[in-house]
N, C-alpha and C. Protein backbone atom coordinates (compact mmCIF):
# COMPACT_ATOMS: atom_id res chain seq x y z
N UNK A 1 84.28 -78.88 2.10
CA UNK A 1 84.32 -78.46 3.48
C UNK A 1 84.44 -79.70 4.35
N UNK A 2 85.42 -79.70 5.25
CA UNK A 2 85.52 -80.82 6.18
C UNK A 2 84.80 -80.43 7.46
N UNK A 3 84.15 -81.42 8.06
CA UNK A 3 83.45 -81.11 9.29
C UNK A 3 82.69 -82.30 9.81
N UNK A 4 82.05 -82.08 10.93
CA UNK A 4 81.21 -83.09 11.54
C UNK A 4 79.78 -82.84 11.13
N UNK A 5 79.00 -83.91 11.14
CA UNK A 5 77.60 -83.82 10.78
C UNK A 5 76.78 -84.29 11.97
N UNK A 6 75.87 -83.45 12.44
CA UNK A 6 74.98 -83.80 13.53
C UNK A 6 73.57 -83.80 12.99
N UNK A 7 72.74 -84.72 13.43
CA UNK A 7 71.40 -84.83 12.90
C UNK A 7 70.39 -84.99 14.02
N UNK A 8 69.26 -84.30 13.89
CA UNK A 8 68.18 -84.39 14.86
C UNK A 8 66.88 -84.00 14.17
N UNK A 9 65.90 -84.87 14.20
CA UNK A 9 64.58 -84.57 13.62
C UNK A 9 64.67 -84.07 12.18
N UNK A 10 65.38 -84.77 11.34
CA UNK A 10 65.52 -84.44 9.91
C UNK A 10 66.30 -83.16 9.66
N UNK A 11 66.85 -82.53 10.68
CA UNK A 11 67.68 -81.36 10.51
C UNK A 11 69.13 -81.81 10.60
N UNK A 12 69.92 -81.41 9.63
CA UNK A 12 71.33 -81.77 9.62
C UNK A 12 72.14 -80.50 9.88
N UNK A 13 73.06 -80.59 10.84
CA UNK A 13 73.93 -79.47 11.16
C UNK A 13 75.36 -79.89 10.88
N UNK A 14 76.06 -79.09 10.12
CA UNK A 14 77.45 -79.34 9.77
C UNK A 14 78.32 -78.38 10.57
N UNK A 15 79.38 -78.90 11.19
CA UNK A 15 80.32 -78.07 11.93
C UNK A 15 81.59 -77.91 11.11
N UNK A 16 82.01 -76.67 10.91
CA UNK A 16 83.29 -76.40 10.25
C UNK A 16 84.39 -76.65 11.27
N UNK A 17 85.03 -77.80 11.18
CA UNK A 17 86.03 -78.19 12.16
C UNK A 17 87.21 -77.23 12.18
N UNK A 18 87.58 -76.69 11.03
CA UNK A 18 88.73 -75.77 10.98
C UNK A 18 88.50 -74.53 11.84
N UNK A 19 87.24 -74.17 12.09
CA UNK A 19 86.95 -72.97 12.88
C UNK A 19 87.29 -73.17 14.35
N UNK A 20 87.34 -74.41 14.82
CA UNK A 20 87.63 -74.67 16.24
C UNK A 20 89.05 -74.23 16.57
N UNK A 21 90.00 -74.56 15.72
CA UNK A 21 91.40 -74.18 15.96
C UNK A 21 91.64 -72.69 15.84
N UNK A 22 90.76 -71.99 15.13
CA UNK A 22 90.93 -70.55 14.93
C UNK A 22 90.19 -69.72 15.98
N UNK A 23 89.30 -70.35 16.74
CA UNK A 23 88.46 -69.63 17.70
C UNK A 23 89.27 -69.22 18.94
N UNK A 24 88.95 -68.04 19.48
CA UNK A 24 89.62 -67.53 20.67
C UNK A 24 88.98 -68.10 21.93
N UNK A 25 89.80 -68.22 22.97
CA UNK A 25 89.30 -68.63 24.30
C UNK A 25 88.56 -67.42 24.88
N UNK A 26 87.30 -67.61 25.26
CA UNK A 26 86.49 -66.54 25.83
C UNK A 26 85.80 -67.03 27.09
N UNK A 27 85.56 -66.13 28.06
CA UNK A 27 84.81 -66.55 29.26
C UNK A 27 83.34 -66.79 28.91
N UNK A 28 82.73 -67.76 29.59
CA UNK A 28 81.33 -68.11 29.36
C UNK A 28 80.60 -68.04 30.69
N UNK A 29 79.42 -67.39 30.68
CA UNK A 29 78.57 -67.30 31.85
C UNK A 29 77.23 -67.94 31.51
N UNK A 30 76.76 -68.84 32.37
CA UNK A 30 75.45 -69.47 32.19
C UNK A 30 74.52 -68.87 33.24
N UNK A 31 73.59 -68.03 32.79
CA UNK A 31 72.70 -67.29 33.68
C UNK A 31 71.36 -68.01 33.84
N UNK A 32 70.71 -67.85 35.00
CA UNK A 32 69.42 -68.51 35.25
C UNK A 32 68.25 -67.70 34.71
N UNK A 33 68.35 -67.29 33.46
CA UNK A 33 67.29 -66.49 32.86
C UNK A 33 67.40 -66.59 31.34
N UNK A 34 66.39 -66.09 30.69
CA UNK A 34 66.39 -66.04 29.23
C UNK A 34 66.56 -64.59 28.81
N UNK A 35 67.54 -64.34 27.99
CA UNK A 35 67.81 -62.99 27.51
C UNK A 35 67.53 -62.98 26.01
N UNK A 36 66.65 -62.11 25.60
CA UNK A 36 66.27 -62.06 24.19
C UNK A 36 67.26 -61.21 23.40
N UNK A 37 68.47 -61.74 23.33
CA UNK A 37 69.54 -61.08 22.56
C UNK A 37 70.43 -62.18 22.01
N UNK A 38 70.80 -62.07 20.78
CA UNK A 38 71.65 -63.05 20.16
C UNK A 38 72.83 -62.31 19.56
N UNK A 39 73.91 -62.23 20.32
CA UNK A 39 75.08 -61.52 19.82
C UNK A 39 76.02 -61.17 20.96
N UNK A 40 77.06 -60.43 20.64
CA UNK A 40 78.04 -60.08 21.66
C UNK A 40 77.43 -59.18 22.74
N UNK A 41 78.01 -59.26 23.93
CA UNK A 41 77.59 -58.40 25.04
C UNK A 41 78.84 -57.89 25.73
N UNK A 42 78.73 -56.73 26.36
CA UNK A 42 79.86 -56.13 27.07
C UNK A 42 79.94 -56.71 28.48
N UNK A 43 80.15 -58.03 28.54
CA UNK A 43 80.15 -58.75 29.81
C UNK A 43 81.24 -58.22 30.73
N UNK A 44 82.45 -58.06 30.22
CA UNK A 44 83.55 -57.63 31.09
C UNK A 44 83.34 -56.21 31.60
N UNK A 45 82.66 -55.38 30.85
CA UNK A 45 82.44 -53.99 31.26
C UNK A 45 81.31 -53.86 32.28
N UNK A 46 80.21 -54.59 32.09
CA UNK A 46 79.04 -54.37 32.92
C UNK A 46 78.72 -55.51 33.89
N UNK A 47 79.29 -56.67 33.71
CA UNK A 47 78.94 -57.81 34.55
C UNK A 47 80.12 -58.28 35.38
N UNK A 48 81.19 -58.67 34.72
CA UNK A 48 82.33 -59.24 35.41
C UNK A 48 82.99 -58.23 36.34
N UNK A 49 82.97 -56.95 35.98
CA UNK A 49 83.63 -55.94 36.81
C UNK A 49 82.95 -55.77 38.17
N UNK A 50 81.70 -56.17 38.30
CA UNK A 50 81.00 -56.04 39.58
C UNK A 50 80.91 -57.36 40.33
N UNK A 51 81.49 -58.41 39.79
CA UNK A 51 81.47 -59.72 40.46
C UNK A 51 82.42 -59.71 41.64
N UNK A 52 81.95 -60.21 42.76
CA UNK A 52 82.77 -60.33 43.97
C UNK A 52 83.08 -61.81 44.20
N UNK A 53 84.35 -62.10 44.48
CA UNK A 53 84.79 -63.47 44.75
C UNK A 53 84.92 -63.69 46.25
N UNK A 54 84.27 -64.73 46.77
CA UNK A 54 84.39 -65.16 48.16
C UNK A 54 84.75 -66.63 48.14
N UNK A 55 86.02 -66.94 48.40
CA UNK A 55 86.53 -68.32 48.33
C UNK A 55 86.22 -68.88 46.95
N UNK A 56 85.41 -69.95 46.82
CA UNK A 56 85.10 -70.49 45.49
C UNK A 56 83.75 -70.01 44.98
N UNK A 57 83.09 -69.13 45.72
CA UNK A 57 81.77 -68.64 45.33
C UNK A 57 81.88 -67.21 44.81
N UNK A 58 81.11 -66.93 43.78
CA UNK A 58 81.06 -65.59 43.20
C UNK A 58 79.67 -65.01 43.46
N UNK A 59 79.58 -63.71 43.65
CA UNK A 59 78.28 -63.05 43.81
C UNK A 59 78.24 -61.83 42.92
N UNK A 60 77.04 -61.52 42.45
CA UNK A 60 76.83 -60.34 41.62
C UNK A 60 75.34 -60.02 41.65
N UNK A 61 75.00 -58.80 41.32
CA UNK A 61 73.61 -58.41 41.19
C UNK A 61 73.34 -58.19 39.71
N UNK A 62 72.30 -58.80 39.19
CA UNK A 62 71.94 -58.67 37.78
C UNK A 62 70.50 -58.19 37.70
N UNK A 63 70.30 -56.97 37.23
CA UNK A 63 68.98 -56.35 37.13
C UNK A 63 68.25 -56.40 38.49
N UNK A 64 69.01 -56.15 39.56
CA UNK A 64 68.43 -56.09 40.89
C UNK A 64 68.28 -57.43 41.59
N UNK A 65 68.63 -58.52 40.95
CA UNK A 65 68.52 -59.85 41.56
C UNK A 65 69.91 -60.35 41.93
N UNK A 66 70.01 -60.92 43.13
CA UNK A 66 71.28 -61.48 43.58
C UNK A 66 71.54 -62.81 42.91
N UNK A 67 72.73 -62.96 42.35
CA UNK A 67 73.15 -64.23 41.75
C UNK A 67 74.36 -64.75 42.50
N UNK A 68 74.41 -66.06 42.65
CA UNK A 68 75.58 -66.72 43.24
C UNK A 68 76.10 -67.70 42.21
N UNK A 69 77.40 -67.68 42.01
CA UNK A 69 77.97 -68.50 40.96
C UNK A 69 79.22 -69.23 41.38
N UNK A 70 79.63 -70.11 40.49
CA UNK A 70 80.83 -70.90 40.71
C UNK A 70 81.43 -71.23 39.36
N UNK A 71 82.75 -71.15 39.28
CA UNK A 71 83.42 -71.54 38.04
C UNK A 71 83.51 -73.06 38.01
N UNK A 72 83.06 -73.64 36.91
CA UNK A 72 83.02 -75.09 36.75
C UNK A 72 83.89 -75.47 35.56
N UNK A 73 84.85 -76.34 35.81
CA UNK A 73 85.74 -76.81 34.74
C UNK A 73 85.03 -77.89 33.94
N UNK A 74 85.24 -77.88 32.63
CA UNK A 74 84.73 -78.96 31.80
C UNK A 74 85.51 -80.24 32.11
N UNK A 75 84.91 -81.39 31.85
CA UNK A 75 85.65 -82.64 32.08
C UNK A 75 86.95 -82.67 31.27
N UNK A 76 87.95 -83.34 31.81
CA UNK A 76 89.24 -83.44 31.15
C UNK A 76 89.07 -84.04 29.76
N UNK A 77 89.73 -83.42 28.79
CA UNK A 77 89.65 -83.90 27.41
C UNK A 77 88.52 -83.29 26.61
N UNK A 78 87.70 -82.42 27.23
CA UNK A 78 86.57 -81.80 26.54
C UNK A 78 86.84 -80.31 26.34
N UNK A 79 86.32 -79.78 25.24
CA UNK A 79 86.40 -78.36 24.94
C UNK A 79 85.00 -77.88 24.64
N UNK A 80 84.60 -76.79 25.27
CA UNK A 80 83.30 -76.19 25.00
C UNK A 80 83.37 -75.30 23.77
N UNK A 81 82.31 -75.29 22.99
CA UNK A 81 82.25 -74.48 21.78
C UNK A 81 81.07 -73.53 21.85
N UNK A 82 81.29 -72.29 21.48
CA UNK A 82 80.19 -71.35 21.24
C UNK A 82 80.05 -71.32 19.73
N UNK A 83 78.88 -71.72 19.25
CA UNK A 83 78.68 -71.89 17.81
C UNK A 83 77.90 -70.73 17.22
N UNK A 84 78.23 -70.40 15.99
CA UNK A 84 77.52 -69.35 15.25
C UNK A 84 77.12 -69.93 13.91
N UNK A 85 75.87 -69.72 13.55
CA UNK A 85 75.38 -70.23 12.28
C UNK A 85 75.94 -69.40 11.14
N UNK A 86 76.32 -70.09 10.07
CA UNK A 86 76.81 -69.43 8.87
C UNK A 86 75.64 -69.35 7.91
N UNK A 87 75.25 -68.17 7.55
CA UNK A 87 74.12 -68.00 6.63
C UNK A 87 74.58 -68.24 5.20
N UNK A 88 73.89 -69.13 4.53
CA UNK A 88 74.20 -69.43 3.14
C UNK A 88 72.98 -69.10 2.31
N UNK A 89 73.06 -68.13 1.43
CA UNK A 89 71.91 -67.80 0.59
C UNK A 89 71.49 -68.99 -0.27
N UNK A 90 70.20 -69.25 -0.30
CA UNK A 90 69.65 -70.30 -1.13
C UNK A 90 69.84 -71.71 -0.58
N UNK A 91 70.32 -71.84 0.65
CA UNK A 91 70.52 -73.18 1.20
C UNK A 91 69.21 -73.72 1.75
N UNK A 92 69.14 -75.03 1.83
CA UNK A 92 67.97 -75.70 2.38
C UNK A 92 67.83 -75.30 3.85
N UNK A 93 66.62 -74.92 4.28
CA UNK A 93 66.42 -74.45 5.64
C UNK A 93 66.64 -75.55 6.67
N UNK A 94 66.51 -76.81 6.27
CA UNK A 94 66.69 -77.90 7.22
C UNK A 94 68.16 -78.19 7.47
N UNK A 95 69.03 -77.84 6.54
CA UNK A 95 70.47 -78.04 6.73
C UNK A 95 71.09 -76.74 7.23
N UNK A 96 71.93 -76.88 8.24
CA UNK A 96 72.59 -75.71 8.82
C UNK A 96 74.10 -75.97 8.85
N UNK A 97 74.87 -74.91 8.74
CA UNK A 97 76.31 -75.00 8.90
C UNK A 97 76.69 -74.01 10.01
N UNK A 98 77.48 -74.49 10.97
CA UNK A 98 77.91 -73.65 12.08
C UNK A 98 79.42 -73.65 12.16
N UNK A 99 79.95 -72.62 12.79
CA UNK A 99 81.38 -72.53 13.04
C UNK A 99 81.58 -72.17 14.51
N UNK A 100 82.72 -72.48 15.04
CA UNK A 100 83.04 -72.13 16.43
C UNK A 100 83.46 -70.67 16.46
N UNK A 101 82.71 -69.85 17.19
CA UNK A 101 83.09 -68.44 17.32
C UNK A 101 84.02 -68.24 18.51
N UNK A 102 83.94 -69.12 19.52
CA UNK A 102 84.88 -69.11 20.63
C UNK A 102 84.87 -70.48 21.30
N UNK A 103 85.88 -70.71 22.11
CA UNK A 103 86.01 -71.97 22.83
C UNK A 103 86.20 -71.67 24.31
N UNK A 104 85.93 -72.67 25.16
CA UNK A 104 86.12 -72.49 26.60
C UNK A 104 86.41 -73.83 27.25
N UNK A 105 87.15 -73.79 28.38
CA UNK A 105 87.43 -75.01 29.12
C UNK A 105 86.80 -74.97 30.51
N UNK A 106 86.15 -73.85 30.83
CA UNK A 106 85.38 -73.72 32.07
C UNK A 106 84.30 -72.68 31.83
N UNK A 107 83.30 -72.68 32.70
CA UNK A 107 82.22 -71.69 32.60
C UNK A 107 81.83 -71.27 34.00
N UNK A 108 81.27 -70.08 34.11
CA UNK A 108 80.74 -69.63 35.39
C UNK A 108 79.25 -69.88 35.37
N UNK A 109 78.81 -70.75 36.28
CA UNK A 109 77.41 -71.15 36.38
C UNK A 109 76.76 -70.36 37.51
N UNK A 110 75.64 -69.68 37.21
CA UNK A 110 74.97 -68.79 38.15
C UNK A 110 73.59 -69.33 38.53
N UNK A 111 73.25 -69.18 39.82
CA UNK A 111 71.92 -69.49 40.34
C UNK A 111 71.34 -68.23 40.98
N UNK A 112 70.02 -68.16 41.06
CA UNK A 112 69.38 -67.09 41.81
C UNK A 112 69.50 -67.38 43.30
N UNK A 113 70.07 -66.45 44.04
CA UNK A 113 70.10 -66.46 45.50
C UNK A 113 70.89 -67.59 46.16
N UNK A 114 70.97 -68.77 45.56
CA UNK A 114 71.66 -69.90 46.20
C UNK A 114 72.88 -70.30 45.37
N UNK A 115 73.96 -70.69 46.03
CA UNK A 115 75.14 -71.09 45.25
C UNK A 115 74.90 -72.41 44.52
N UNK A 116 75.55 -72.62 43.39
CA UNK A 116 75.46 -73.91 42.70
C UNK A 116 75.91 -75.03 43.63
N UNK A 117 75.27 -76.19 43.48
CA UNK A 117 75.66 -77.34 44.29
C UNK A 117 75.61 -78.61 43.44
N UNK A 118 75.96 -79.72 44.04
CA UNK A 118 76.08 -80.98 43.29
C UNK A 118 74.75 -81.51 42.77
N UNK A 119 73.61 -80.95 43.21
CA UNK A 119 72.30 -81.38 42.71
C UNK A 119 71.85 -80.62 41.46
N UNK A 120 72.58 -79.57 41.07
CA UNK A 120 72.22 -78.80 39.88
C UNK A 120 72.54 -79.61 38.62
N UNK A 121 71.63 -79.61 37.64
CA UNK A 121 71.86 -80.40 36.42
C UNK A 121 73.16 -80.07 35.70
N UNK A 122 73.56 -78.81 35.67
CA UNK A 122 74.79 -78.44 34.97
C UNK A 122 76.00 -79.02 35.70
N UNK A 123 76.00 -78.96 37.01
CA UNK A 123 77.10 -79.51 37.80
C UNK A 123 77.15 -81.03 37.60
N UNK A 124 75.98 -81.69 37.66
CA UNK A 124 75.93 -83.15 37.46
C UNK A 124 76.39 -83.54 36.06
N UNK A 125 76.09 -82.71 35.06
CA UNK A 125 76.47 -83.02 33.67
C UNK A 125 77.98 -83.11 33.51
N UNK A 126 78.73 -82.37 34.31
CA UNK A 126 80.19 -82.41 34.20
C UNK A 126 80.76 -83.75 34.66
N UNK A 127 79.98 -84.51 35.43
CA UNK A 127 80.41 -85.84 35.86
C UNK A 127 80.02 -86.93 34.86
N UNK A 128 79.19 -86.60 33.88
CA UNK A 128 78.66 -87.61 32.97
C UNK A 128 79.74 -88.37 32.19
N UNK A 129 80.75 -87.73 31.61
CA UNK A 129 81.74 -88.51 30.85
C UNK A 129 82.41 -89.59 31.69
N UNK A 130 82.75 -89.28 32.94
CA UNK A 130 83.37 -90.28 33.81
C UNK A 130 82.39 -91.40 34.15
N UNK A 131 81.14 -91.04 34.40
CA UNK A 131 80.11 -92.03 34.69
C UNK A 131 79.83 -92.90 33.46
N UNK A 132 79.73 -92.27 32.29
CA UNK A 132 79.49 -93.02 31.06
C UNK A 132 80.61 -94.01 30.77
N UNK A 133 81.85 -93.59 31.05
CA UNK A 133 82.98 -94.48 30.84
C UNK A 133 82.89 -95.67 31.78
N UNK A 134 82.47 -95.43 33.02
CA UNK A 134 82.34 -96.52 33.99
C UNK A 134 81.24 -97.50 33.56
N UNK A 135 80.17 -96.98 32.98
CA UNK A 135 79.05 -97.82 32.56
C UNK A 135 79.36 -98.58 31.26
N UNK A 136 79.92 -97.85 30.28
CA UNK A 136 80.10 -98.41 28.95
C UNK A 136 81.51 -98.83 28.62
N UNK A 137 82.47 -98.51 29.49
CA UNK A 137 83.87 -98.84 29.22
C UNK A 137 84.14 -100.32 29.36
N UNK A 138 85.32 -100.73 29.01
CA UNK A 138 85.68 -102.14 29.12
C UNK A 138 85.66 -102.62 30.56
N UNK A 139 85.28 -103.86 30.74
CA UNK A 139 85.20 -104.45 32.06
C UNK A 139 86.49 -105.22 32.33
N UNK A 140 87.12 -104.94 33.47
CA UNK A 140 88.34 -105.64 33.84
C UNK A 140 87.97 -106.99 34.47
N UNK A 141 88.75 -108.01 34.16
CA UNK A 141 88.49 -109.34 34.74
C UNK A 141 88.91 -109.41 36.17
């Protein structure tokens, strides 16, 4: 199996690189809550269909709470991955193998009551690659 290996706290995660090219482009929503569900959801049927667009801001009501959102593009040259663990019978619990179940180049970021702004950690994270390059890139004479 070809792939990348990521390690954290003695846990090794292997990514099946071939799955990235096979994964479909899917919309991604980052909600300001924790949902105790791990699997597909009928987002387009119950969530996206009620979203209202006002200029660059989106609004929707989720379980009676007003959400304000904005579509945020990933930094140029980056692709977002939605990963799914591949269960292997008899495998070591510390080692995991994941595959890309879908990919995305932008996401809709939602806040409670207030629109996303430049002080939100997710919005600031999208500037990190450019900032990191400025800090760690080659210095011109």
